[in-house]
Amino acid sequence: MSIKIGVIGATGMAGSAVYQEAVDQGFDVTAIVRSTAKAHKTLGQDAKVFEKDAFALTKEELLQFDVIINAFATVPALAYQHIDLAAYLIRLLRETTVPRLIFILGAGSLVTGDDNHLLLEDLKKLPDAASWVSIPDNQKKELEFLRNIDNVNWTGVSPGITFQAGEATQYKLGTDYLLFGEDNESVTNSGTMAKAIVSEIIKPSAEKKRFTVINA
């Protein structure tokens, strides 16, 4: 029987790439979105869609799936909703192992430099950081929250410094340290992220952990 996957935020850059990769791999995939019309426009008229706000999902609805991928995205002013949604999903699924929850996180929580500081510290120093840094900051807090959860089957995944729309490439995996390719760049295409997530679903290796992926 095919693995049933639900993708929260399936019309966004990351979510749409994960949705398509999972479909291409033959999984039974449902886009969990607030607008059916937008989902069909983004993912195609044949896309399987469940229209509902993520914060209104019920435990019974989540239990229909084997895997839930949280590709939720929001504006910087509402960045705290990353934590809120993680907490909401975790609360619904306490004391369960299925569905598995996969959270797409930011790169800010990755360790870098000779002194092993968080990338977030560097991001905060960029000239225009005040307009967007709340998102990686709250995604770091989201990971901190998840690391205290031991009775839900969760996994986190972080991209490199640059997370951009693009086709899947060969990729390099890590855990908590910021990765760089042979060109000394730290870039993750949305397709690469999707490919790594689907591979993790097929062969789990990061349960209750975070991993990171970049283009090789």
N, C-alpha and C. Protein backbone atom coordinates (compact mmCIF):
# COMPACT_ATOMS: atom_id res chain seq x y z
N MET A 1 0.85 -1.19 0.00
CA MET A 1 0.00 0.00 0.00
C MET A 1 0.89 1.25 0.00
N SER A 2 0.50 2.23 -0.79
CA SER A 2 1.30 3.44 -0.93
C SER A 2 1.31 4.24 0.36
N ILE A 3 2.45 4.85 0.64
CA ILE A 3 2.55 5.75 1.78
C ILE A 3 1.71 6.99 1.51
N LYS A 4 0.91 7.37 2.50
CA LYS A 4 0.06 8.55 2.37
C LYS A 4 0.75 9.76 3.01
N ILE A 5 0.95 10.78 2.20
CA ILE A 5 1.68 11.97 2.64
C ILE A 5 0.79 13.20 2.54
N GLY A 6 0.78 14.00 3.58
CA GLY A 6 0.08 15.28 3.56
C GLY A 6 1.12 16.39 3.61
N VAL A 7 0.99 17.39 2.74
CA VAL A 7 1.95 18.49 2.69
C VAL A 7 1.24 19.79 3.08
N ILE A 8 1.55 20.29 4.26
CA ILE A 8 1.02 21.57 4.71
C ILE A 8 1.82 22.68 4.01
N GLY A 9 1.11 23.61 3.40
CA GLY A 9 1.80 24.68 2.68
C GLY A 9 2.30 24.22 1.32
N ALA A 10 1.52 23.39 0.65
CA ALA A 10 1.97 22.77 -0.60
C ALA A 10 2.03 23.72 -1.79
N THR A 11 1.56 24.95 -1.64
CA THR A 11 1.64 25.89 -2.76
C THR A 11 2.86 26.79 -2.67
N GLY A 12 3.63 26.70 -1.60
CA GLY A 12 4.84 27.50 -1.47
C GLY A 12 6.01 26.89 -2.21
N MET A 13 7.15 27.57 -2.16
CA MET A 13 8.33 27.11 -2.89
C MET A 13 8.75 25.71 -2.44
N ALA A 14 8.93 25.53 -1.14
CA ALA A 14 9.37 24.23 -0.63
C ALA A 14 8.26 23.20 -0.73
N GLY A 15 7.05 23.59 -0.33
CA GLY A 15 5.94 22.65 -0.31
C GLY A 15 5.58 22.10 -1.67
N SER A 16 5.58 22.96 -2.68
CA SER A 16 5.22 22.50 -4.03
C SER A 16 6.27 21.55 -4.58
N ALA A 17 7.54 21.80 -4.25
CA ALA A 17 8.62 20.91 -4.71
C ALA A 17 8.51 19.54 -4.04
N VAL A 18 8.21 19.54 -2.74
CA VAL A 18 8.05 18.27 -2.02
C VAL A 18 6.84 17.51 -2.54
N TYR A 19 5.75 18.23 -2.75
CA TYR A 19 4.54 17.60 -3.28
C TYR A 19 4.84 16.90 -4.60
N GLN A 20 5.49 17.60 -5.52
CA GLN A 20 5.75 17.04 -6.84
C GLN A 20 6.71 15.87 -6.79
N GLU A 21 7.75 15.98 -5.97
CA GLU A 21 8.72 14.88 -5.84
C GLU A 21 8.04 13.63 -5.28
N ALA A 22 7.20 13.81 -4.27
CA ALA A 22 6.51 12.66 -3.68
C ALA A 22 5.55 12.02 -4.68
N VAL A 23 4.85 12.85 -5.46
CA VAL A 23 3.97 12.32 -6.50
C VAL A 23 4.78 11.54 -7.53
N ASP A 24 5.90 12.12 -7.94
CA ASP A 24 6.75 11.47 -8.94
C ASP A 24 7.28 10.12 -8.45
N GLN A 25 7.44 10.00 -7.13
CA GLN A 25 7.94 8.76 -6.56
C GLN A 25 6.82 7.75 -6.32
N GLY A 26 5.59 8.12 -6.69
CA GLY A 26 4.48 7.19 -6.62
C GLY A 26 3.71 7.16 -5.31
N PHE A 27 3.94 8.15 -4.44
CA PHE A 27 3.22 8.19 -3.17
C PHE A 27 1.83 8.79 -3.36
N ASP A 28 0.97 8.52 -2.41
CA ASP A 28 -0.37 9.09 -2.36
C ASP A 28 -0.26 10.42 -1.61
N VAL A 29 -0.26 11.53 -2.34
CA VAL A 29 0.07 12.83 -1.75
C VAL A 29 -1.13 13.76 -1.78
N THR A 30 -1.36 14.43 -0.66
CA THR A 30 -2.44 15.41 -0.54
C THR A 30 -1.86 16.76 -0.17
N ALA A 31 -2.26 17.79 -0.89
CA ALA A 31 -1.88 19.16 -0.56
C ALA A 31 -2.85 19.69 0.49
N ILE A 32 -2.33 20.07 1.64
CA ILE A 32 -3.16 20.64 2.71
C ILE A 32 -2.98 22.15 2.64
N VAL A 33 -3.99 22.83 2.14
CA VAL A 33 -3.86 24.25 1.80
C VAL A 33 -5.14 25.01 2.17
N ARG A 34 -5.03 26.34 2.16
CA ARG A 34 -6.19 27.17 2.46
C ARG A 34 -7.00 27.50 1.21
N SER A 35 -6.42 27.27 0.02
CA SER A 35 -7.13 27.60 -1.22
C SER A 35 -6.97 26.48 -2.24
N THR A 36 -8.08 25.82 -2.53
CA THR A 36 -8.07 24.77 -3.55
C THR A 36 -7.71 25.35 -4.92
N ALA A 37 -8.25 26.52 -5.23
CA ALA A 37 -7.99 27.15 -6.53
C ALA A 37 -6.50 27.42 -6.71
N LYS A 38 -5.86 27.95 -5.67
CA LYS A 38 -4.43 28.24 -5.75
C LYS A 38 -3.63 26.94 -5.89
N ALA A 39 -4.05 25.90 -5.18
CA ALA A 39 -3.35 24.61 -5.26
C ALA A 39 -3.43 24.04 -6.66
N HIS A 40 -4.61 24.09 -7.26
CA HIS A 40 -4.74 23.57 -8.62
C HIS A 40 -3.95 24.40 -9.63
N LYS A 41 -3.88 25.70 -9.40
CA LYS A 41 -3.11 26.56 -10.28
C LYS A 41 -1.62 26.26 -10.17
N THR A 42 -1.16 26.00 -8.94
CA THR A 42 0.26 25.75 -8.68
C THR A 42 0.68 24.33 -8.99
N LEU A 43 -0.16 23.37 -8.60
CA LEU A 43 0.21 21.96 -8.66
C LEU A 43 -0.44 21.19 -9.81
N GLY A 44 -1.40 21.80 -10.47
CA GLY A 44 -2.10 21.14 -11.56
C GLY A 44 -3.51 20.74 -11.17
N GLN A 45 -4.36 20.63 -12.16
CA GLN A 45 -5.77 20.33 -11.92
C GLN A 45 -5.98 18.94 -11.33
N ASP A 46 -5.03 18.06 -11.51
CA ASP A 46 -5.17 16.71 -10.98
C ASP A 46 -4.69 16.57 -9.54
N ALA A 47 -4.18 17.65 -8.98
CA ALA A 47 -3.64 17.60 -7.62
C ALA A 47 -4.72 17.20 -6.63
N LYS A 48 -4.34 16.35 -5.68
CA LYS A 48 -5.25 15.95 -4.61
C LYS A 48 -5.16 16.99 -3.50
N VAL A 49 -6.28 17.63 -3.19
CA VAL A 49 -6.26 18.79 -2.30
C VAL A 49 -7.22 18.60 -1.13
N PHE A 50 -6.75 19.00 0.04
CA PHE A 50 -7.60 19.09 1.22
C PHE A 50 -7.53 20.54 1.69
N GLU A 51 -8.65 21.24 1.55
CA GLU A 51 -8.67 22.67 1.88
C GLU A 51 -9.00 22.87 3.36
N LYS A 52 -8.00 23.33 4.11
CA LYS A 52 -8.21 23.60 5.52
C LYS A 52 -7.02 24.38 6.06
N ASP A 53 -7.29 25.31 6.95
CA ASP A 53 -6.22 26.02 7.64
C ASP A 53 -5.48 25.03 8.53
N ALA A 54 -4.16 25.09 8.50
CA ALA A 54 -3.35 24.13 9.26
C ALA A 54 -3.67 24.17 10.75
N PHE A 55 -4.02 25.35 11.26
CA PHE A 55 -4.31 25.51 12.68
C PHE A 55 -5.68 24.96 13.06
N ALA A 56 -6.44 24.51 12.07
CA ALA A 56 -7.77 23.94 12.33
C ALA A 56 -7.79 22.43 12.10
N LEU A 57 -6.66 21.85 11.73
CA LEU A 57 -6.60 20.41 11.51
C LEU A 57 -6.91 19.66 12.80
N THR A 58 -7.57 18.52 12.66
CA THR A 58 -7.90 17.69 13.82
C THR A 58 -6.97 16.47 13.87
N LYS A 59 -6.93 15.86 15.01
CA LYS A 59 -6.13 14.64 15.16
C LYS A 59 -6.61 13.57 14.20
N GLU A 60 -7.92 13.44 14.07
CA GLU A 60 -8.48 12.41 13.19
C GLU A 60 -8.05 12.65 11.74
N GLU A 61 -8.00 13.90 11.33
CA GLU A 61 -7.57 14.22 9.97
C GLU A 61 -6.10 13.89 9.77
N LEU A 62 -5.29 14.19 10.76
CA LEU A 62 -3.86 13.91 10.65
C LEU A 62 -3.58 12.41 10.64
N LEU A 63 -4.36 11.66 11.39
CA LEU A 63 -4.13 10.22 11.48
C LEU A 63 -4.44 9.47 10.19
N GLN A 64 -5.00 10.15 9.21
CA GLN A 64 -5.23 9.53 7.90
C GLN A 64 -3.93 9.37 7.11
N PHE A 65 -2.88 10.06 7.56
CA PHE A 65 -1.62 10.09 6.81
C PHE A 65 -0.53 9.29 7.52
N ASP A 66 0.43 8.83 6.73
CA ASP A 66 1.62 8.19 7.29
C ASP A 66 2.69 9.23 7.60
N VAL A 67 2.71 10.29 6.81
CA VAL A 67 3.70 11.36 6.98
C VAL A 67 3.01 12.70 6.75
N ILE A 68 3.31 13.66 7.61
CA ILE A 68 2.89 15.04 7.41
C ILE A 68 4.15 15.89 7.24
N ILE A 69 4.24 16.60 6.12
CA ILE A 69 5.38 17.49 5.90
C ILE A 69 4.90 18.93 6.12
N ASN A 70 5.52 19.59 7.07
CA ASN A 70 5.14 20.95 7.40
C ASN A 70 6.04 21.94 6.65
N ALA A 71 5.52 22.44 5.52
CA ALA A 71 6.24 23.42 4.72
C ALA A 71 5.61 24.81 4.89
N PHE A 72 5.01 25.03 6.04
CA PHE A 72 4.34 26.29 6.35
C PHE A 72 5.32 27.46 6.22
N ALA A 73 4.82 28.53 5.64
CA ALA A 73 5.61 29.77 5.53
C ALA A 73 4.70 30.94 5.81
N THR A 74 5.27 32.01 6.34
CA THR A 74 4.48 33.19 6.64
C THR A 74 5.35 34.44 6.51
N VAL A 75 4.76 35.58 6.76
CA VAL A 75 5.48 36.85 6.65
C VAL A 75 6.27 37.10 7.93
N PRO A 76 7.33 37.90 7.87
CA PRO A 76 8.16 38.14 9.05
C PRO A 76 7.39 38.61 10.28
N ALA A 77 6.35 39.42 10.10
CA ALA A 77 5.61 39.93 11.25
C ALA A 77 4.88 38.83 12.01
N LEU A 78 4.63 37.71 11.35
CA LEU A 78 3.92 36.58 11.97
C LEU A 78 4.83 35.37 12.12
N ALA A 79 6.12 35.60 12.19
CA ALA A 79 7.08 34.49 12.22
C ALA A 79 6.89 33.56 13.40
N TYR A 80 6.34 34.07 14.50
CA TYR A 80 6.09 33.23 15.68
C TYR A 80 5.13 32.08 15.37
N GLN A 81 4.39 32.19 14.26
CA GLN A 81 3.46 31.12 13.92
C GLN A 81 4.17 29.81 13.55
N HIS A 82 5.46 29.89 13.21
CA HIS A 82 6.22 28.67 12.99
C HIS A 82 6.23 27.83 14.27
N ILE A 83 6.46 28.48 15.41
CA ILE A 83 6.47 27.79 16.69
C ILE A 83 5.06 27.36 17.06
N ASP A 84 4.10 28.26 16.84
CA ASP A 84 2.71 27.94 17.19
C ASP A 84 2.21 26.70 16.46
N LEU A 85 2.50 26.60 15.16
CA LEU A 85 2.02 25.46 14.39
C LEU A 85 2.72 24.18 14.81
N ALA A 86 4.02 24.26 15.05
CA ALA A 86 4.74 23.07 15.53
C ALA A 86 4.14 22.58 16.84
N ALA A 87 3.87 23.50 17.75
CA ALA A 87 3.30 23.13 19.04
C ALA A 87 1.90 22.53 18.87
N TYR A 88 1.14 23.10 17.95
CA TYR A 88 -0.22 22.61 17.70
C TYR A 88 -0.20 21.18 17.17
N LEU A 89 0.66 20.93 16.18
CA LEU A 89 0.74 19.59 15.59
C LEU A 89 1.26 18.57 16.61
N ILE A 90 2.26 18.97 17.37
CA ILE A 90 2.80 18.08 18.39
C ILE A 90 1.74 17.74 19.43
N ARG A 91 0.98 18.73 19.86
CA ARG A 91 -0.06 18.50 20.86
C ARG A 91 -1.09 17.49 20.36
N LEU A 92 -1.47 17.62 19.10
CA LEU A 92 -2.46 16.70 18.54
C LEU A 92 -1.94 15.27 18.46
N LEU A 93 -0.65 15.12 18.30
CA LEU A 93 -0.09 13.79 18.03
C LEU A 93 0.75 13.23 19.18
N ARG A 94 0.57 13.76 20.38
CA ARG A 94 1.29 13.20 21.53
C ARG A 94 1.00 11.70 21.68
N GLU A 95 2.07 10.96 22.06
CA GLU A 95 1.99 9.52 22.29
C GLU A 95 1.63 8.75 21.02
N THR A 96 2.11 9.24 19.87
CA THR A 96 1.91 8.52 18.61
C THR A 96 3.25 8.33 17.91
N THR A 97 3.29 7.42 16.97
CA THR A 97 4.45 7.25 16.10
C THR A 97 4.09 7.50 14.64
N VAL A 98 2.80 7.47 14.34
CA VAL A 98 2.29 7.72 12.99
C VAL A 98 1.13 8.70 13.11
N PRO A 99 1.11 9.75 12.30
CA PRO A 99 2.05 10.05 11.22
C PRO A 99 3.38 10.61 11.72
N ARG A 100 4.37 10.44 10.90
CA ARG A 100 5.65 11.09 11.14
C ARG A 100 5.53 12.55 10.72
N LEU A 101 6.05 13.45 11.54
CA LEU A 101 6.03 14.88 11.24
C LEU A 101 7.40 15.32 10.75
N ILE A 102 7.45 15.92 9.57
CA ILE A 102 8.71 16.45 9.04
C ILE A 102 8.57 17.96 8.90
N PHE A 103 9.44 18.69 9.60
CA PHE A 103 9.39 20.14 9.64
C PHE A 103 10.52 20.73 8.79
N ILE A 104 10.17 21.59 7.84
CA ILE A 104 11.18 22.30 7.08
C ILE A 104 11.55 23.55 7.88
N LEU A 105 12.80 23.60 8.32
CA LEU A 105 13.30 24.66 9.17
C LEU A 105 14.23 25.59 8.37
N GLY A 106 14.73 26.60 9.03
CA GLY A 106 15.68 27.50 8.39
C GLY A 106 17.11 27.06 8.64
N ALA A 107 18.05 27.84 8.10
CA ALA A 107 19.48 27.55 8.28
C ALA A 107 20.06 28.24 9.51
N GLY A 108 19.32 29.17 10.09
CA GLY A 108 19.87 29.98 11.18
C GLY A 108 20.32 29.19 12.39
N SER A 109 19.74 28.01 12.60
CA SER A 109 20.09 27.20 13.76
C SER A 109 21.30 26.31 13.53
N LEU A 110 21.89 26.37 12.34
CA LEU A 110 23.07 25.57 12.05
C LEU A 110 24.33 26.22 12.63
N VAL A 111 25.28 25.39 13.01
CA VAL A 111 26.53 25.85 13.63
C VAL A 111 27.56 26.12 12.55
N THR A 112 28.32 27.18 12.72
CA THR A 112 29.34 27.52 11.72
C THR A 112 30.51 28.25 12.38
N GLY A 113 31.59 28.41 11.64
CA GLY A 113 32.74 29.17 12.12
C GLY A 113 33.65 28.39 13.05
N ASP A 114 34.87 28.91 13.22
CA ASP A 114 35.85 28.26 14.10
C ASP A 114 35.39 28.25 15.56
N ASP A 115 34.54 29.21 15.92
CA ASP A 115 34.07 29.28 17.30
C ASP A 115 32.73 28.59 17.51
N ASN A 116 32.25 27.91 16.47
CA ASN A 116 31.00 27.14 16.56
C ASN A 116 29.81 27.98 17.02
N HIS A 117 29.61 29.12 16.36
CA HIS A 117 28.45 29.94 16.67
C HIS A 117 27.31 29.59 15.71
N LEU A 118 26.11 30.04 16.03
CA LEU A 118 24.97 29.81 15.16
C LEU A 118 25.00 30.78 13.98
N LEU A 119 24.63 30.29 12.82
CA LEU A 119 24.55 31.15 11.64
C LEU A 119 23.64 32.34 11.89
N LEU A 120 22.62 32.15 12.72
CA LEU A 120 21.68 33.23 13.02
C LEU A 120 22.40 34.48 13.50
N GLU A 121 23.49 34.32 14.24
CA GLU A 121 24.24 35.47 14.74
C GLU A 121 24.80 36.29 13.59
N ASP A 122 25.23 35.61 12.53
CA ASP A 122 25.75 36.31 11.35
C ASP A 122 24.61 36.97 10.58
N LEU A 123 23.50 36.27 10.48
CA LEU A 123 22.36 36.81 9.74
C LEU A 123 21.86 38.11 10.37
N LYS A 124 21.87 38.17 11.68
CA LYS A 124 21.38 39.36 12.37
C LYS A 124 22.23 40.60 12.11
N LYS A 125 23.45 40.39 11.64
CA LYS A 125 24.37 41.51 11.39
C LYS A 125 24.26 42.07 9.97
N LEU A 126 23.48 41.40 9.12
CA LEU A 126 23.33 41.89 7.74
C LEU A 126 22.55 43.20 7.74
N PRO A 127 22.84 44.08 6.80
CA PRO A 127 22.24 45.42 6.79
C PRO A 127 20.72 45.47 6.85
N ASP A 128 20.06 44.56 6.14
CA ASP A 128 18.60 44.61 6.07
C ASP A 128 17.93 43.55 6.96
N ALA A 129 18.68 43.02 7.91
CA ALA A 129 18.21 41.88 8.70
C ALA A 129 16.91 42.15 9.44
N ALA A 130 16.72 43.35 9.91
CA ALA A 130 15.54 43.64 10.73
C ALA A 130 14.24 43.35 10.00
N SER A 131 14.26 43.38 8.68
CA SER A 131 13.02 43.19 7.91
C SER A 131 12.63 41.73 7.74
N TRP A 132 13.55 40.79 8.02
CA TRP A 132 13.23 39.37 7.76
C TRP A 132 13.81 38.38 8.77
N VAL A 133 14.72 38.84 9.63
CA VAL A 133 15.44 37.88 10.49
C VAL A 133 14.53 37.21 11.52
N SER A 134 13.34 37.73 11.73
CA SER A 134 12.42 37.08 12.67
C SER A 134 12.06 35.67 12.22
N ILE A 135 12.09 35.41 10.92
CA ILE A 135 11.76 34.07 10.43
C ILE A 135 12.82 33.04 10.82
N PRO A 136 14.12 33.23 10.47
CA PRO A 136 15.10 32.25 10.95
C PRO A 136 15.21 32.20 12.47
N ASP A 137 14.96 33.33 13.12
CA ASP A 137 15.02 33.35 14.59
C ASP A 137 13.94 32.45 15.17
N ASN A 138 12.72 32.56 14.66
CA ASN A 138 11.63 31.73 15.18
C ASN A 138 11.76 30.28 14.74
N GLN A 139 12.35 30.04 13.58
CA GLN A 139 12.58 28.65 13.17
C GLN A 139 13.64 27.99 14.05
N LYS A 140 14.59 28.78 14.53
CA LYS A 140 15.56 28.26 15.52
C LYS A 140 14.83 27.86 16.80
N LYS A 141 13.93 28.72 17.25
CA LYS A 141 13.16 28.42 18.45
C LYS A 141 12.25 27.21 18.23
N GLU A 142 11.76 27.06 17.01
CA GLU A 142 10.95 25.90 16.66
C GLU A 142 11.76 24.62 16.85
N LEU A 143 13.00 24.62 16.37
CA LEU A 143 13.86 23.45 16.54
C LEU A 143 14.14 23.19 18.02
N GLU A 144 14.39 24.24 18.77
CA GLU A 144 14.64 24.08 20.21
C GLU A 144 13.44 23.41 20.89
N PHE A 145 12.25 23.82 20.48
CA PHE A 145 11.03 23.19 21.01
C PHE A 145 10.98 21.71 20.64
N LEU A 146 11.22 21.41 19.37
CA LEU A 146 11.13 20.03 18.91
C LEU A 146 12.13 19.12 19.64
N ARG A 147 13.28 19.65 19.95
CA ARG A 147 14.31 18.83 20.60
C ARG A 147 13.92 18.40 22.01
N ASN A 148 12.86 18.96 22.54
CA ASN A 148 12.37 18.55 23.84
C ASN A 148 11.22 17.54 23.72
N ILE A 149 10.89 17.14 22.50
CA ILE A 149 9.76 16.23 22.27
C ILE A 149 10.28 14.81 22.06
N ASP A 150 9.86 13.89 22.93
CA ASP A 150 10.31 12.50 22.80
C ASP A 150 9.17 11.52 22.62
N ASN A 151 7.93 12.00 22.52
CA ASN A 151 6.80 11.07 22.35
C ASN A 151 5.99 11.36 21.10
N VAL A 152 6.64 11.99 20.11
CA VAL A 152 6.07 12.20 18.78
C VAL A 152 7.19 11.92 17.78
N ASN A 153 6.86 11.32 16.65
CA ASN A 153 7.86 10.95 15.65
C ASN A 153 8.12 12.13 14.71
N TRP A 154 9.10 12.97 15.06
CA TRP A 154 9.38 14.18 14.29
C TRP A 154 10.77 14.14 13.68
N THR A 155 10.93 14.92 12.61
CA THR A 155 12.24 15.14 11.97
C THR A 155 12.27 16.58 11.48
N GLY A 156 13.42 17.22 11.62
CA GLY A 156 13.60 18.57 11.08
C GLY A 156 14.59 18.54 9.94
N VAL A 157 14.47 19.48 9.01
CA VAL A 157 15.43 19.57 7.91
C VAL A 157 15.71 21.03 7.61
N SER A 158 17.00 21.35 7.50
CA SER A 158 17.43 22.72 7.23
C SER A 158 18.17 22.80 5.90
N PRO A 159 17.94 23.88 5.15
CA PRO A 159 18.71 24.09 3.91
C PRO A 159 20.03 24.79 4.23
N GLY A 160 20.77 25.12 3.18
CA GLY A 160 21.96 25.92 3.35
C GLY A 160 21.61 27.39 3.48
N ILE A 161 22.63 28.26 3.42
CA ILE A 161 22.40 29.70 3.58
C ILE A 161 21.40 30.21 2.56
N THR A 162 21.57 29.81 1.31
CA THR A 162 20.66 30.24 0.24
C THR A 162 19.70 29.12 -0.08
N PHE A 163 18.41 29.38 0.13
CA PHE A 163 17.37 28.41 -0.19
C PHE A 163 16.56 29.00 -1.33
N GLN A 164 16.63 28.36 -2.49
CA GLN A 164 16.06 28.96 -3.69
C GLN A 164 15.28 27.94 -4.51
N ALA A 165 14.36 28.45 -5.33
CA ALA A 165 13.64 27.58 -6.25
C ALA A 165 14.62 27.02 -7.27
N GLY A 166 14.47 25.75 -7.59
CA GLY A 166 15.36 25.14 -8.56
C GLY A 166 15.21 23.64 -8.61
N GLU A 167 15.72 23.05 -9.66
CA GLU A 167 15.64 21.60 -9.86
C GLU A 167 16.53 20.86 -8.87
N ALA A 168 16.21 19.59 -8.68
CA ALA A 168 17.01 18.75 -7.80
C ALA A 168 18.40 18.53 -8.38
N THR A 169 19.38 18.51 -7.50
CA THR A 169 20.76 18.20 -7.86
C THR A 169 21.22 17.02 -7.00
N GLN A 170 22.42 16.56 -7.25
CA GLN A 170 23.04 15.68 -6.27
C GLN A 170 23.18 16.48 -4.98
N TYR A 171 23.17 15.80 -3.84
CA TYR A 171 23.18 16.59 -2.61
C TYR A 171 24.15 16.04 -1.57
N LYS A 172 24.42 16.91 -0.60
CA LYS A 172 25.32 16.60 0.51
C LYS A 172 24.51 16.75 1.79
N LEU A 173 24.59 15.74 2.67
CA LEU A 173 23.83 15.74 3.91
C LEU A 173 24.73 15.99 5.11
N GLY A 174 24.15 16.61 6.13
CA GLY A 174 24.85 16.81 7.38
C GLY A 174 23.86 16.77 8.53
N THR A 175 24.33 17.20 9.71
CA THR A 175 23.46 17.20 10.88
C THR A 175 23.24 18.62 11.39
N ASP A 176 24.14 19.11 12.23
CA ASP A 176 23.92 20.42 12.85
C ASP A 176 24.91 21.50 12.42
N TYR A 177 25.82 21.15 11.51
CA TYR A 177 26.80 22.13 11.05
C TYR A 177 26.48 22.61 9.64
N LEU A 178 26.64 23.89 9.42
CA LEU A 178 26.41 24.47 8.10
C LEU A 178 27.36 23.83 7.08
N LEU A 179 26.80 23.40 5.96
CA LEU A 179 27.58 22.74 4.92
C LEU A 179 27.93 23.69 3.79
N PHE A 180 29.05 23.41 3.14
CA PHE A 180 29.47 24.15 1.96
C PHE A 180 29.87 23.15 0.87
N GLY A 181 29.58 23.50 -0.38
CA GLY A 181 29.97 22.66 -1.50
C GLY A 181 31.40 22.91 -1.92
N GLU A 182 31.81 22.24 -2.97
CA GLU A 182 33.19 22.39 -3.45
C GLU A 182 33.48 23.81 -3.93
N ASP A 183 32.44 24.55 -4.30
CA ASP A 183 32.60 25.94 -4.74
C ASP A 183 32.54 26.91 -3.56
N ASN A 184 32.54 26.36 -2.34
CA ASN A 184 32.47 27.14 -1.10
C ASN A 184 31.15 27.89 -0.96
N GLU A 185 30.13 27.43 -1.68
CA GLU A 185 28.80 28.02 -1.56
C GLU A 185 27.92 27.08 -0.74
N SER A 186 26.93 27.66 -0.07
CA SER A 186 25.99 26.89 0.73
C SER A 186 24.59 27.15 0.19
N VAL A 187 24.21 26.36 -0.82
CA VAL A 187 22.97 26.60 -1.56
C VAL A 187 22.13 25.33 -1.58
N THR A 188 20.83 25.49 -1.39
CA THR A 188 19.90 24.37 -1.49
C THR A 188 18.77 24.74 -2.42
N ASN A 189 18.61 24.01 -3.50
CA ASN A 189 17.46 24.20 -4.37
C ASN A 189 16.23 23.54 -3.74
N SER A 190 15.07 24.07 -4.06
CA SER A 190 13.84 23.47 -3.53
C SER A 190 13.70 22.02 -3.97
N GLY A 191 14.11 21.74 -5.20
CA GLY A 191 14.06 20.36 -5.69
C GLY A 191 15.01 19.44 -4.94
N THR A 192 16.17 19.96 -4.58
CA THR A 192 17.13 19.19 -3.80
C THR A 192 16.57 18.87 -2.42
N MET A 193 15.99 19.88 -1.79
CA MET A 193 15.35 19.68 -0.49
C MET A 193 14.28 18.60 -0.59
N ALA A 194 13.44 18.69 -1.61
CA ALA A 194 12.36 17.72 -1.80
C ALA A 194 12.91 16.31 -1.97
N LYS A 195 13.93 16.20 -2.77
CA LYS A 195 14.54 14.89 -3.04
C LYS A 195 15.08 14.27 -1.75
N ALA A 196 15.73 15.09 -0.92
CA ALA A 196 16.29 14.59 0.34
C ALA A 196 15.18 14.19 1.31
N ILE A 197 14.10 14.96 1.35
CA ILE A 197 13.00 14.64 2.25
C ILE A 197 12.33 13.33 1.84
N VAL A 198 12.08 13.15 0.55
CA VAL A 198 11.45 11.92 0.10
C VAL A 198 12.37 10.72 0.35
N SER A 199 13.66 10.91 0.17
CA SER A 199 14.61 9.83 0.48
C SER A 199 14.57 9.47 1.96
N GLU A 200 14.42 10.48 2.81
CA GLU A 200 14.33 10.25 4.25
C GLU A 200 13.04 9.52 4.61
N ILE A 201 11.97 9.79 3.88
CA ILE A 201 10.71 9.07 4.11
C ILE A 201 10.87 7.59 3.74
N ILE A 202 11.53 7.35 2.62
CA ILE A 202 11.72 5.98 2.15
C ILE A 202 12.62 5.19 3.08
N LYS A 203 13.70 5.84 3.53
CA LYS A 203 14.67 5.17 4.40
C LYS A 203 14.99 6.09 5.58
N PRO A 204 14.21 6.02 6.65
CA PRO A 204 14.39 6.92 7.79
C PRO A 204 15.75 6.78 8.46
N SER A 205 16.38 7.92 8.72
CA SER A 205 17.67 7.89 9.43
C SER A 205 17.79 9.07 10.40
N ALA A 206 16.77 9.91 10.47
CA ALA A 206 16.86 11.11 11.31
C ALA A 206 15.61 11.28 12.17
N GLU A 207 15.16 10.21 12.78
CA GLU A 207 13.97 10.31 13.63
C GLU A 207 14.31 11.03 14.93
N LYS A 208 13.49 12.02 15.27
CA LYS A 208 13.69 12.89 16.43
C LYS A 208 15.03 13.63 16.34
N LYS A 209 15.40 13.96 15.12
CA LYS A 209 16.64 14.70 14.86
C LYS A 209 16.41 15.70 13.75
N ARG A 210 17.38 16.59 13.57
CA ARG A 210 17.41 17.51 12.44
C ARG A 210 18.56 17.12 11.52
N PHE A 211 18.34 17.20 10.22
CA PHE A 211 19.44 17.05 9.27
C PHE A 211 19.44 18.24 8.35
N THR A 212 20.54 18.43 7.66
CA THR A 212 20.66 19.54 6.72
C THR A 212 21.10 19.02 5.36
N VAL A 213 20.72 19.73 4.31
CA VAL A 213 21.03 19.29 2.95
C VAL A 213 21.38 20.50 2.09
N ILE A 214 22.41 20.34 1.25
CA ILE A 214 22.76 21.38 0.28
C ILE A 214 23.01 20.72 -1.08
N ASN A 215 23.01 21.56 -2.12
CA ASN A 215 23.39 21.08 -3.45
C ASN A 215 24.84 20.64 -3.42
N ALA A 216 25.12 19.49 -4.01
CA ALA A 216 26.51 19.01 -4.07
C ALA A 216 27.20 19.59 -5.31
